[in-house]
Protein backbone atom coordinates (compact mmCIF):
# COMPACT_ATOMS: atom_id res chain seq x y z
CA UNK A 1 0.00 0.00 0.00
CA UNK A 2 2.72 2.46 0.94
CA UNK A 3 4.85 1.31 -1.97
CA UNK A 4 2.18 2.31 -4.49
CA UNK A 5 1.21 5.50 -2.64
CA UNK A 6 -2.45 4.47 -2.44
CA UNK A 7 -2.85 5.07 1.27
CA UNK A 8 -6.56 5.88 1.35
CA UNK A 9 -9.58 3.88 0.19
CA UNK A 10 -11.71 5.34 -2.54
CA UNK A 11 -14.96 6.57 -1.01
CA UNK A 12 -18.37 6.16 -2.59
CA UNK A 13 -21.00 8.82 -3.19
CA UNK A 14 -22.74 8.31 0.15
CA UNK A 15 -19.49 8.92 2.06
CA UNK A 16 -17.58 11.42 -0.07
CA UNK A 17 -20.52 13.36 -1.49
CA UNK A 18 -21.60 13.63 -5.11
CA UNK A 19 -24.54 12.95 -7.40
CA UNK A 20 -26.32 9.70 -8.21
CA UNK A 21 -28.46 9.60 -11.37
CA UNK A 22 -30.91 6.78 -12.00
CA UNK A 23 -31.86 6.17 -15.64
CA UNK A 24 -34.82 3.96 -16.58
CA UNK A 25 -34.96 2.31 -19.99
CA UNK A 26 -38.10 2.50 -22.08
CA UNK A 27 -39.01 1.05 -25.45
CA UNK A 28 -42.10 0.36 -27.50
CA UNK A 29 -40.74 -3.15 -27.95
CA UNK A 30 -40.51 -4.89 -24.54
CA UNK A 31 -38.05 -7.42 -25.97
CA UNK A 32 -35.59 -4.61 -26.73
CA UNK A 33 -34.93 -4.11 -23.02
CA UNK A 34 -32.57 -7.05 -22.52
CA UNK A 35 -29.21 -7.66 -20.92
CA UNK A 36 -27.28 -7.18 -24.16
CA UNK A 37 -28.72 -3.72 -24.88
CA UNK A 38 -28.39 -2.70 -21.23
CA UNK A 39 -24.71 -3.68 -21.22
CA UNK A 40 -24.12 -1.75 -24.46
CA UNK A 41 -25.87 1.31 -23.01
CA UNK A 42 -23.83 1.06 -19.81
CA UNK A 43 -20.59 1.02 -21.79
CA UNK A 44 -21.60 4.00 -23.94
CA UNK A 45 -22.74 6.04 -20.94
CA UNK A 46 -19.50 5.26 -19.13
CA UNK A 47 -17.50 6.45 -22.15
CA UNK A 48 -19.55 9.65 -22.28
CA UNK A 49 -19.01 10.42 -18.61
CA UNK A 50 -15.29 9.72 -18.87
CA UNK A 51 -15.13 11.81 -22.03
CA UNK A 52 -16.46 14.77 -20.04
CA UNK A 53 -13.39 14.57 -17.80
CA UNK A 54 -15.37 13.32 -14.80
CA UNK A 55 -12.93 11.16 -12.84
CA UNK A 56 -13.88 8.22 -10.64
CA UNK A 57 -17.45 8.06 -11.92
CA UNK A 58 -19.37 4.81 -11.57
CA UNK A 59 -21.83 3.41 -14.10
CA UNK A 60 -23.62 0.15 -13.31
CA UNK A 61 -26.89 -1.59 -14.06
CA UNK A 62 -29.55 -2.07 -11.42
CA UNK A 63 -32.24 -4.62 -12.04
CA UNK A 64 -33.55 -5.23 -15.55
CA UNK A 65 -34.08 -1.67 -16.81
CA UNK A 66 -32.18 0.79 -14.60
CA UNK A 67 -28.68 2.25 -14.89
CA UNK A 68 -27.06 4.06 -11.96
CA UNK A 69 -24.52 6.80 -12.68
CA UNK A 70 -22.54 7.99 -9.65
CA UNK A 71 -20.57 11.20 -10.10
CA UNK A 72 -18.26 12.12 -7.22
CA UNK A 73 -17.99 15.61 -5.80
CA UNK A 74 -16.29 18.09 -8.07
CA UNK A 75 -17.77 16.56 -11.24
CA UNK A 76 -19.98 18.54 -13.58
CA UNK A 77 -23.21 16.90 -12.50
CA UNK A 78 -25.41 19.17 -14.62
CA UNK A 79 -23.65 18.33 -17.89
CA UNK A 80 -23.54 14.69 -16.92
CA UNK A 81 -27.25 14.64 -16.16
CA UNK A 82 -27.95 16.23 -19.56
CA UNK A 83 -25.73 13.82 -21.49
CA UNK A 84 -25.85 10.41 -19.87
CA UNK A 85 -29.42 9.65 -20.89
CA UNK A 86 -29.34 11.32 -24.30
CA UNK A 87 -30.14 8.75 -26.93
CA UNK A 88 -27.84 10.51 -29.44
CA UNK A 89 -29.51 9.16 -32.57
CA UNK A 90 -27.97 11.25 -35.32
CA UNK A 91 -29.44 11.40 -38.81
CA UNK A 92 -28.72 13.40 -41.95
CA UNK A 93 -32.00 14.11 -43.76
CA UNK A 94 -32.68 16.22 -46.88
CA UNK A 95 -34.87 19.28 -46.30
CA UNK A 96 -38.22 19.36 -48.13
CA UNK A 97 -39.62 22.57 -46.66
CA UNK A 98 -38.56 25.21 -44.15
CA UNK A 99 -40.50 27.96 -42.38
CA UNK A 100 -40.37 30.06 -39.21
CA UNK A 101 -42.73 28.69 -36.60
CA UNK A 102 -45.29 30.60 -34.58
CA UNK A 103 -44.94 33.91 -36.47
CA UNK A 104 -46.64 35.41 -39.50
CA UNK A 105 -44.25 37.09 -41.87
CA UNK A 106 -45.50 40.38 -43.41
CA UNK A 107 -46.23 40.53 -47.11
CA UNK A 108 -43.05 40.95 -49.15
CA UNK A 109 -42.43 44.33 -50.76
CA UNK A 110 -41.10 42.81 -53.98
CA UNK A 111 -42.07 39.95 -56.21
CA UNK A 112 -42.11 36.83 -54.07
CA UNK A 113 -39.98 33.85 -54.87
CA UNK A 114 -41.56 30.74 -56.22
CA UNK A 115 -39.51 28.73 -53.73
CA UNK A 116 -38.96 25.69 -55.88
CA UNK A 117 -37.92 27.67 -58.99
CA UNK A 118 -34.87 29.10 -57.28
CA UNK A 119 -35.64 32.69 -58.48
CA UNK A 120 -34.10 35.17 -56.03
CA UNK A 121 -36.39 37.35 -53.97
CA UNK A 122 -35.95 40.05 -51.39
CA UNK A 123 -36.78 39.27 -47.80
CA UNK A 124 -39.72 41.07 -46.22
CA UNK A 125 -38.92 43.87 -43.87
CA UNK A 126 -38.82 42.71 -40.28
CA UNK A 127 -38.67 39.01 -41.12
CA UNK A 128 -35.82 36.98 -39.69
CA UNK A 129 -32.68 36.86 -41.77
CA UNK A 130 -31.43 33.58 -43.08
CA UNK A 131 -27.94 34.37 -41.92
CA UNK A 132 -29.25 34.89 -38.40
CA UNK A 133 -30.31 31.27 -38.16
CA UNK A 134 -28.34 28.07 -38.41
CA UNK A 135 -29.53 27.50 -41.97
CA UNK A 136 -27.00 27.99 -44.72
CA UNK A 137 -24.10 27.19 -42.41
CA UNK A 138 -21.16 25.37 -44.07
CA UNK A 139 -20.88 21.62 -43.61
CA UNK A 140 -17.60 21.36 -45.47
CA UNK A 141 -15.45 23.20 -47.97
CA UNK A 142 -17.96 22.57 -50.75
CA UNK A 143 -20.90 24.03 -48.83
CA UNK A 144 -21.94 27.64 -49.08
CA UNK A 145 -20.73 29.93 -46.30
CA UNK A 146 -22.99 31.52 -43.74
CA UNK A 147 -22.41 34.96 -45.26
CA UNK A 148 -23.93 34.70 -48.73
CA UNK A 149 -21.96 37.66 -50.03
CA UNK A 150 -18.59 35.88 -49.81
CA UNK A 151 -16.97 34.79 -53.08
CA UNK A 152 -17.39 31.14 -52.15
CA UNK A 153 -21.12 31.61 -51.79
CA UNK A 154 -21.67 33.36 -55.11
CA UNK A 155 -20.28 30.42 -57.08
CA UNK A 156 -23.15 28.11 -56.20
CA UNK A 157 -25.89 27.50 -58.80
CA UNK A 158 -29.07 25.46 -59.00
CA UNK A 159 -29.89 22.85 -61.61
CA UNK A 160 -31.44 25.46 -63.92
CA UNK A 161 -28.42 27.71 -63.73
CA UNK A 162 -30.24 30.40 -61.79
CA UNK A 163 -28.55 31.41 -58.56
CA UNK A 164 -30.42 30.27 -55.47
CA UNK A 165 -31.71 32.72 -52.91
CA UNK A 166 -29.10 31.61 -50.42
CA UNK A 167 -26.31 32.17 -52.92
CA UNK A 168 -27.57 35.44 -54.26
CA UNK A 169 -27.43 37.28 -50.99
CA UNK A 170 -31.11 37.04 -49.98
CA UNK A 171 -32.88 34.37 -47.95
CA UNK A 172 -35.40 32.23 -49.74
CA UNK A 173 -39.07 32.96 -49.34
CA UNK A 174 -39.51 29.60 -47.67
CA UNK A 175 -37.16 30.67 -44.90
CA UNK A 176 -39.33 33.68 -44.02
CA UNK A 177 -42.79 32.95 -45.39
CA UNK A 178 -44.78 29.95 -44.11
CA UNK A 179 -47.03 30.13 -47.16
CA UNK A 180 -44.06 29.75 -49.51
CA UNK A 181 -42.83 26.84 -47.44
CA UNK A 182 -46.24 25.22 -47.75
CA UNK A 183 -46.08 25.66 -51.53
CA UNK A 184 -42.70 23.93 -51.57
CA UNK A 185 -44.12 21.08 -49.57
CA UNK A 186 -47.20 20.85 -51.80
CA UNK A 187 -44.95 20.57 -54.84
CA UNK A 188 -43.05 17.73 -53.17
CA UNK A 189 -46.33 16.10 -52.23
CA UNK A 190 -47.53 16.32 -55.83
CA UNK A 191 -44.36 14.60 -57.01
CA UNK A 192 -45.17 11.70 -54.68
CA UNK A 193 -42.16 12.10 -52.37
CA UNK A 194 -44.20 13.38 -49.42
CA UNK A 195 -47.42 11.83 -48.08
CA UNK A 196 -50.37 14.21 -47.65
CA UNK A 197 -50.53 13.71 -43.90
CA UNK A 198 -47.01 15.16 -43.58
CA UNK A 199 -48.14 18.40 -45.26
CA UNK A 200 -51.00 18.72 -42.81
CA UNK A 201 -48.71 18.02 -39.89
CA UNK A 202 -46.21 20.59 -41.12
CA UNK A 203 -48.91 23.24 -41.52
CA UNK A 204 -50.29 22.70 -38.01
CA UNK A 205 -46.89 22.45 -36.33
CA UNK A 206 -45.89 25.24 -33.91
CA UNK A 207 -42.35 24.83 -32.57
CA UNK A 208 -42.83 27.67 -30.09
CA UNK A 209 -44.89 25.26 -27.98
CA UNK A 210 -42.68 22.98 -25.85
CA UNK A 211 -44.96 19.99 -26.25
CA UNK A 212 -44.49 20.12 -30.04
CA UNK A 213 -40.70 20.27 -29.89
CA UNK A 214 -40.48 16.51 -29.57
CA UNK A 215 -38.98 13.65 -31.48
CA UNK A 216 -41.22 12.89 -34.48
CA UNK A 217 -38.83 10.33 -36.01
CA UNK A 218 -40.76 7.09 -36.04
CA UNK A 219 -39.33 5.48 -39.16
CA UNK A 220 -35.90 6.07 -40.66
CA UNK A 221 -37.11 5.43 -44.19
CA UNK A 222 -40.09 7.83 -44.09
CA UNK A 223 -40.36 11.64 -44.27
CA UNK A 224 -40.91 13.47 -40.99
CA UNK A 225 -41.00 16.91 -39.41
CA UNK A 226 -38.69 18.49 -36.84
CA UNK A 227 -37.97 21.73 -35.02
CA UNK A 228 -34.75 23.67 -34.81
CA UNK A 229 -33.26 25.11 -31.67
CA UNK A 230 -34.06 28.71 -30.86
CA UNK A 231 -31.75 31.04 -32.75
CA UNK A 232 -30.20 34.24 -31.40
CA UNK A 233 -33.33 36.16 -32.43
CA UNK A 234 -35.55 33.86 -30.42
CA UNK A 235 -37.11 32.25 -33.52
CA UNK A 236 -37.87 28.56 -33.95
CA UNK A 237 -37.96 27.01 -37.42
CA UNK A 238 -39.94 23.98 -38.50
CA UNK A 239 -38.77 21.68 -41.23
CA UNK A 240 -40.24 18.91 -43.34
CA UNK A 241 -37.53 16.31 -43.87
CA UNK A 242 -37.03 13.44 -46.27
CA UNK A 243 -35.93 9.89 -45.39
CA UNK A 244 -32.58 9.37 -43.66
CA UNK A 245 -29.71 9.70 -46.11
CA UNK A 246 -26.76 9.17 -43.75
CA UNK A 247 -26.80 7.55 -40.32
CA UNK A 248 -24.98 8.82 -37.27
CA UNK A 249 -23.69 5.30 -36.67
CA UNK A 250 -21.41 5.94 -39.66
CA UNK A 251 -19.66 8.81 -37.85
CA UNK A 252 -16.18 7.51 -37.10
CA UNK A 253 -14.90 10.53 -35.17
CA UNK A 254 -16.27 13.84 -33.89
CA UNK A 255 -14.18 16.68 -32.53
CA UNK A 256 -14.99 20.20 -31.30
CA UNK A 257 -12.88 22.85 -33.05
CA UNK A 258 -12.82 26.60 -33.64
CA UNK A 259 -14.07 27.86 -36.99
CA UNK A 260 -11.18 30.10 -38.06
CA UNK A 261 -12.96 31.16 -41.27
CA UNK A 262 -16.27 32.28 -39.80
CA UNK A 263 -15.44 34.55 -36.89
CA UNK A 264 -13.86 32.01 -34.57
CA UNK A 265 -17.05 30.28 -33.47
CA UNK A 266 -17.16 26.71 -32.24
CA UNK A 267 -18.07 23.85 -34.54
CA UNK A 268 -18.02 20.04 -34.57
CA UNK A 269 -15.95 18.29 -37.22
CA UNK A 270 -17.19 14.86 -38.32
CA UNK A 271 -15.27 12.08 -39.99
CA UNK A 272 -17.32 9.26 -41.57
CA UNK A 273 -16.38 5.63 -42.06
CA UNK A 274 -16.36 4.01 -45.50
CA UNK A 275 -20.12 3.48 -45.69
CA UNK A 276 -20.85 6.97 -44.41
CA UNK A 277 -18.38 8.54 -46.83
CA UNK A 278 -20.06 6.98 -49.85
CA UNK A 279 -23.55 7.91 -48.64
CA UNK A 280 -22.54 11.46 -47.72
CA UNK A 281 -20.86 12.07 -51.09
CA UNK A 282 -23.91 10.76 -52.94
CA UNK A 283 -26.49 12.80 -51.01
CA UNK A 284 -24.54 16.05 -51.21
CA UNK A 285 -24.15 15.55 -54.95
CA UNK A 286 -27.92 15.18 -55.30
CA UNK A 287 -28.71 18.15 -53.06
CA UNK A 288 -26.33 20.43 -54.97
CA UNK A 289 -28.63 20.21 -58.01
CA UNK A 290 -31.76 21.21 -56.08
CA UNK A 291 -33.24 24.68 -55.59
CA UNK A 292 -33.41 26.34 -52.20
CA UNK A 293 -34.45 25.15 -49.61
CA UNK A 294 -34.29 21.59 -50.96
CA UNK A 295 -30.55 21.99 -51.45
CA UNK A 296 -30.17 21.80 -47.68
CA UNK A 297 -29.79 18.77 -45.47
CA UNK A 298 -30.71 18.71 -41.81
CA UNK A 299 -28.45 17.30 -39.12
CA UNK A 300 -31.00 15.83 -36.69
CA UNK A 301 -29.99 14.75 -33.19
CA UNK A 302 -32.66 12.97 -31.15
CA UNK A 303 -35.43 14.52 -33.22
CA UNK A 304 -34.16 18.11 -33.03
CA UNK A 305 -32.44 19.86 -35.92
CA UNK A 306 -29.01 21.00 -34.79
CA UNK A 307 -28.07 22.57 -38.13
CA UNK A 308 -29.33 22.59 -41.72
CA UNK A 309 -26.57 23.76 -44.07
CA UNK A 310 -27.06 24.11 -47.82
CA UNK A 311 -24.94 22.37 -50.44
CA UNK A 312 -23.32 23.85 -53.53
CA UNK A 313 -21.50 20.72 -54.80
CA UNK A 314 -20.79 17.12 -53.84
CA UNK A 315 -18.51 16.73 -50.81
CA UNK A 316 -15.99 13.90 -51.14
CA UNK A 317 -13.54 12.77 -48.47
CA UNK A 318 -15.98 11.67 -45.79
CA UNK A 319 -15.77 14.77 -43.60
CA UNK A 320 -18.31 17.38 -42.59
CA UNK A 321 -18.82 20.16 -40.09
CA UNK A 322 -21.78 20.85 -37.81
CA UNK A 323 -21.68 24.55 -37.18
CA UNK A 324 -23.99 27.01 -35.53
CA UNK A 325 -24.13 29.31 -32.57
CA UNK A 326 -22.36 26.83 -30.32
CA UNK A 327 -20.54 27.69 -27.14
CA UNK A 328 -17.37 25.76 -26.34
CA UNK A 329 -19.23 23.57 -23.86
CA UNK A 330 -22.07 22.84 -26.31
CA UNK A 331 -19.66 21.89 -29.10
CA UNK A 332 -17.60 19.64 -26.83
CA UNK A 333 -20.68 17.96 -25.42
CA UNK A 334 -22.09 17.32 -28.89
CA UNK A 335 -18.77 15.91 -30.10
CA UNK A 336 -18.57 13.72 -27.01
CA UNK A 337 -22.05 12.30 -27.57
CA UNK A 338 -21.45 11.65 -31.28
CA UNK A 339 -18.03 10.07 -30.75
CA UNK A 340 -19.35 7.19 -28.68
CA UNK A 341 -22.47 6.47 -30.68
CA UNK A 342 -26.17 6.24 -29.97
CA UNK A 343 -27.74 4.37 -27.10
CA UNK A 344 -29.66 1.26 -28.14
CA UNK A 345 -32.56 2.29 -25.89
CA UNK A 346 -34.27 5.45 -24.78
CA UNK A 347 -33.79 6.46 -21.14
CA UNK A 348 -35.62 8.76 -18.79
CA UNK A 349 -34.08 10.24 -15.67
CA UNK A 350 -36.17 8.76 -12.88
CA UNK A 351 -34.12 10.03 -9.95
CA UNK A 352 -31.28 12.44 -9.23
CA UNK A 353 -29.87 12.37 -5.70
CA UNK A 354 -27.16 14.72 -4.54
CA UNK A 355 -25.23 14.06 -1.33
CA UNK A 356 -23.29 17.02 -0.03
CA UNK A 357 -19.71 16.47 1.15
CA UNK A 358 -20.83 17.50 4.63
CA UNK A 359 -23.52 14.80 4.77
CA UNK A 360 -21.13 12.25 3.31
CA UNK A 361 -18.56 13.15 5.96
CA UNK A 362 -21.15 12.76 8.70
CA UNK A 363 -22.12 9.31 7.42
CA UNK A 364 -18.47 8.27 7.22
CA UNK A 365 -17.90 9.47 10.77
CA UNK A 366 -20.96 7.55 11.98
CA UNK A 367 -19.72 4.38 10.29
CA UNK A 368 -16.26 4.70 11.82
CA UNK A 369 -17.73 5.32 15.27
CA UNK A 370 -19.92 2.24 14.92
CA UNK A 371 -16.91 0.13 13.92
CA UNK A 372 -14.85 1.51 16.81
CA UNK A 373 -17.61 0.69 19.30
CA UNK A 374 -17.83 -2.86 17.96
CA UNK A 375 -14.06 -3.27 18.21
CA UNK A 376 -13.96 -1.99 21.80
CA UNK A 377 -16.74 -4.36 22.88
CA UNK A 378 -14.94 -7.35 21.37
CA UNK A 379 -11.66 -6.31 23.02
CA UNK A 380 -13.30 -5.92 26.43
CA UNK A 381 -15.02 -9.30 26.14
CA UNK A 382 -11.75 -10.97 25.11
CA UNK A 383 -9.81 -9.48 28.02
CA UNK A 384 -12.45 -10.25 30.63
CA UNK A 385 -13.18 -13.81 29.52
CA UNK A 386 -9.87 -14.98 28.04
CA UNK A 387 -7.45 -12.71 29.93
CA UNK A 388 -3.97 -13.34 28.49
CA UNK A 389 -5.35 -15.13 25.46
CA UNK A 390 -7.43 -12.03 24.80
CA UNK A 391 -4.22 -10.27 23.77
CA UNK A 392 -3.87 -12.79 20.96
CA UNK A 393 -7.36 -12.02 19.68
CA UNK A 394 -6.66 -8.27 19.87
CA UNK A 395 -3.44 -8.70 17.87
CA UNK A 396 -5.34 -10.80 15.31
CA UNK A 397 -8.03 -8.14 14.95
CA UNK A 398 -5.38 -5.47 14.39
CA UNK A 399 -3.66 -7.57 11.71
CA UNK A 400 -6.99 -8.31 10.03
CA UNK A 401 -7.98 -4.63 10.08
CA UNK A 402 -4.62 -3.58 8.63
CA UNK A 403 -4.90 -6.13 5.81
CA UNK A 404 -8.49 -5.11 5.06
CA UNK A 405 -7.61 -1.41 4.95
CA UNK A 406 -4.57 -2.01 2.72
CA UNK A 407 -6.44 -4.21 0.26
CA UNK A 408 -9.35 -1.75 0.03
CA UNK A 409 -6.91 1.08 -0.67
CA UNK A 410 -5.24 -0.93 -3.43
CA UNK A 411 -8.55 -2.08 -4.93
CA UNK A 412 -9.72 1.53 -5.13
CA UNK A 413 -7.02 2.35 -7.65
CA UNK A 414 -6.82 -1.12 -9.16
CA UNK A 415 -10.43 -2.00 -10.01
CA UNK A 416 -12.26 1.17 -8.92
CA UNK A 417 -13.71 -0.32 -5.72
CA UNK A 418 -15.50 2.42 -3.77
CA UNK A 419 -16.05 2.10 -0.05
CA UNK A 420 -19.66 3.00 0.64
CA UNK A 421 -21.78 2.83 3.78
CA UNK A 422 -22.95 -0.79 3.24
CA UNK A 423 -19.31 -1.78 2.74
CA UNK A 424 -18.47 -0.23 6.09
CA UNK A 425 -21.28 -2.31 7.61
CA UNK A 426 -19.73 -5.42 6.07
CA UNK A 427 -16.39 -4.56 7.66
CA UNK A 428 -18.08 -4.15 11.06
CA UNK A 429 -19.76 -7.55 10.72
CA UNK A 430 -16.35 -9.01 9.88
CA UNK A 431 -15.12 -8.09 13.37
CA UNK A 432 -17.48 -10.70 14.77
CA UNK A 433 -16.43 -13.29 12.16
CA UNK A 434 -12.76 -12.85 13.03
CA UNK A 435 -13.42 -12.97 16.77
CA UNK A 436 -15.51 -16.12 16.29
CA UNK A 437 -12.53 -17.96 14.78
CA UNK A 438 -10.39 -17.05 17.79
CA UNK A 439 -13.06 -18.24 20.18
CA UNK A 440 -13.34 -21.61 18.43
CA UNK A 441 -9.60 -22.21 18.71
CA UNK A 442 -9.35 -20.96 22.28
CA UNK A 443 -12.20 -23.19 23.44
CA UNK A 444 -10.65 -26.25 21.81
CA UNK A 445 -7.37 -25.54 23.69
CA UNK A 446 -9.26 -25.12 26.95
CA UNK A 447 -11.04 -28.42 26.38
CA UNK A 448 -7.68 -30.15 26.09
CA UNK A 449 -6.44 -28.43 29.25
CA UNK A 450 -9.56 -29.54 31.10
CA UNK A 451 -8.74 -33.09 30.09
CA UNK A 452 -5.43 -32.69 31.91
CA UNK A 453 -3.15 -32.22 28.90
CA UNK A 454 -0.15 -29.87 29.23
CA UNK A 455 -0.43 -26.65 27.22
CA UNK A 456 2.00 -27.44 24.40
CA UNK A 457 0.37 -30.77 23.49
CA UNK A 458 -3.04 -29.17 24.03
CA UNK A 459 -2.28 -26.48 21.42
CA UNK A 460 -1.26 -29.07 18.85
CA UNK A 461 -4.15 -31.47 19.50
CA UNK A 462 -6.77 -28.69 19.56
CA UNK A 463 -5.76 -27.29 16.16
CA UNK A 464 -7.14 -30.04 13.85
CA UNK A 465 -10.59 -29.91 15.41
CA UNK A 466 -10.63 -26.09 15.53
CA UNK A 467 -9.33 -25.81 11.98
CA UNK A 468 -12.15 -27.95 10.61
CA UNK A 469 -14.81 -25.90 12.40
CA UNK A 470 -13.26 -22.57 11.34
CA UNK A 471 -13.06 -23.59 7.68
CA UNK A 472 -16.68 -24.77 7.60
CA UNK A 473 -17.89 -21.59 9.30
CA UNK A 474 -15.90 -19.29 6.99
CA UNK A 475 -16.99 -21.27 3.91
CA UNK A 476 -20.65 -20.75 4.80
CA UNK A 477 -20.07 -17.01 5.38
CA UNK A 478 -18.15 -16.65 2.11
CA UNK A 479 -20.81 -18.59 0.20
CA UNK A 480 -23.52 -16.29 1.54
CA UNK A 481 -21.46 -13.24 0.59
CA UNK A 482 -20.85 -14.58 -2.94
CA UNK A 483 -24.52 -15.35 -3.54
CA UNK A 484 -25.54 -11.95 -2.18
CA UNK A 485 -23.02 -10.24 -4.46
CA UNK A 486 -24.27 -12.07 -7.55
CA UNK A 487 -27.99 -11.56 -7.00
CA UNK A 488 -27.91 -8.04 -5.50
CA UNK A 489 -27.47 -4.69 -7.24
CA UNK A 490 -26.16 -1.29 -6.33
CA UNK A 491 -24.76 -0.58 -2.92
CA UNK A 492 -25.72 -3.95 -1.47
CA UNK A 493 -22.91 -5.42 -3.54
CA UNK A 494 -20.50 -3.29 -1.51
CA UNK A 495 -21.67 -5.03 1.65
CA UNK A 496 -21.35 -8.48 0.07
CA UNK A 497 -17.92 -7.73 -1.40
CA UNK A 498 -16.51 -6.50 1.91
CA UNK A 499 -18.02 -9.42 3.80
CA UNK A 500 -16.50 -11.94 1.40
CA UNK A 501 -13.12 -10.19 1.44
CA UNK A 502 -12.88 -10.09 5.23
CA UNK A 503 -14.03 -13.72 5.49
CA UNK A 504 -11.20 -14.80 3.19
CA UNK A 505 -8.76 -12.70 5.21
CA UNK A 506 -9.96 -14.40 8.40
CA UNK A 507 -8.68 -17.74 7.06
CA UNK A 508 -5.34 -16.12 6.25
CA UNK A 509 -5.03 -14.53 9.71
CA UNK A 510 -6.03 -17.63 11.69
CA UNK A 511 -3.67 -19.91 9.73
CA UNK A 512 -0.66 -17.65 9.27
CA UNK A 513 -0.82 -15.49 12.37
CA UNK A 514 -3.00 -16.80 15.22
CA UNK A 515 -1.90 -20.45 15.16
CA UNK A 516 1.85 -19.69 14.97
CA UNK A 517 1.55 -17.01 17.66
CA UNK A 518 -0.20 -19.34 20.13
CA UNK A 519 2.39 -22.05 19.41
CA UNK A 520 5.13 -19.62 20.39
CA UNK A 521 3.30 -18.38 23.48
CA UNK A 522 2.76 -21.96 24.69
CA UNK A 523 6.51 -22.15 25.26
CA UNK A 524 6.41 -19.18 27.61
CA UNK A 525 6.28 -19.99 31.29
CA UNK A 526 3.44 -17.52 31.86
CA UNK A 527 1.11 -19.60 29.71
CA UNK A 528 2.62 -23.09 30.03
CA UNK A 529 2.44 -23.02 33.85
CA UNK A 530 -1.19 -21.89 33.73
CA UNK A 531 -0.82 -18.45 35.34
CA UNK A 532 -4.19 -17.20 36.71
CA UNK A 533 -4.07 -14.26 34.27
CA UNK A 534 -3.09 -16.37 31.28
CA UNK A 535 -6.65 -17.57 30.66
CA UNK A 536 -5.41 -21.16 30.83
CA UNK A 537 -5.35 -21.75 34.58
CA UNK A 538 -6.19 -25.48 35.08
CA UNK A 539 -7.82 -24.85 38.44
CA UNK A 540 -10.06 -22.12 37.08
CA UNK A 541 -10.98 -24.28 34.13
CA UNK A 542 -11.78 -27.24 36.42
CA UNK A 543 -9.15 -29.50 34.92
CA UNK A 544 -9.06 -33.13 36.09
CA UNK A 545 -5.77 -34.50 37.37
CA UNK A 546 -3.97 -36.63 34.82
CA UNK A 547 -4.70 -40.37 35.03
CA UNK A 548 -1.71 -42.43 36.22
CA UNK A 549 -1.43 -45.87 34.72
CA UNK A 550 -1.12 -48.79 37.27
CA UNK A 551 0.24 -52.20 36.38
CA UNK A 552 -2.18 -55.01 37.05
CA UNK A 553 -0.64 -57.85 39.07
CA UNK A 554 -1.23 -61.49 38.14
CA UNK A 555 -1.79 -64.23 40.84
CA UNK A 556 1.51 -65.92 40.03
CA UNK A 557 3.43 -62.78 40.57
CA UNK A 558 1.68 -62.23 43.90
CA UNK A 559 2.59 -65.74 45.07
CA UNK A 560 6.15 -65.19 44.05
CA UNK A 561 6.28 -62.03 46.08
CA UNK A 562 4.91 -63.77 49.13
CA UNK A 563 7.38 -66.70 48.74
CA UNK A 564 10.22 -64.27 48.56
């Protein structure tokens, strides 16, 4: 322990303070909630928490559908609570229609755009600007820039050769006029790519209402609707989206970086695998030939549109950028979630419990006091009843406690074992188990002394019988601890683990310390002569005097004696 420098056990949430988050799995398919998916979700959540820089966090399953996330004090519990249960299902979908939600744009002062024709139009006065939202943001070098007046933006063209509204310096009518957006959607519906019920859902959708900003993605191969996040002007946008073109599972790497070309804002760079690269190149090539807003694709995370950049040409190379009005924390969190993939199940946060360091310290103090009281009572009993032999039991308890403390300190850094309150209870129970082994051996020695045997032979003859009883007793205790550890969950496992550990150490102490020590003490005059304070006084134990063998005389021998 001192050699490795790990001189203190790692404390759990209930002793050191921190936050415990309980996540409950839910699914429309009951068969989806199984051990395999729960194990996968546990691994992903653990990677997310570690990716946030939260050290010494614990992630473990509880029961059939719960996952417990323990974040020690000092960790960012708010970010962890927001991320650990996020499903993180990322999709890239083509945009069919786009409109501001919950507002009515005033009539345009110039000839309105036909939306699908790509003819440029001027935005109505007072309507939100396209550059003020996350639409039109670049997703790679071949995507138009956020500022449509840059040279890179003016090179984009639609299939008919007419510059799109996004490339010509003015937002499309669909981006500011719900009626134009509905016309775009009606055109798509007429072509057979959009079912009529989607048009009705898009028209009635109001993203300003929290209950409508939900995940509408029910089928990956069907069109759907979605809401954007609120932009800096406080405006929500609603979008009608086509089937999934690229899956988030094909994202090989995600990293938060600074956009050096667009004012130094934060963005998330994506790198696709082979399948994602081919799909991304194909879909961007198709979108580049479409008019605005159908030349955009939406990056949808858990049903919410994070960004919807527009494309000016196919993007090879398998890389893209999710950009928007991200803070550093938002970009890093998004990259962290995307890097480790989507959860196989949806989770809801059923409970969040925070234990302050002060309360954790009080509970630790209470546990230590309880253990100290138990130790003192055992010591007093040993001294009063066994006298000199009681010193042997005290020395054994000290050795057992030192071994237990050292092993717990090493396991904290080795396998992440955290000492919680139930584990402390297991250590307190172990005091009785260790003392019980001493009592069994001492009583066997006393039995031999009562039979009149000297101390040194009594120690040797008592050991086989005591050893058998001690091994059976410890085996039963260890078996109970093992079964409890396997069938229990959560903190109860801490109790079972500590109980099993201390039971195994009891065998080590009784064989390698107690037995040799008593063998040595039996050679000391204080114990071998049965001093009244040794605990082995034959008179006090009611020992019988040793039987002296007498030789039986035969009649012939008696006659010979008389004749002599």
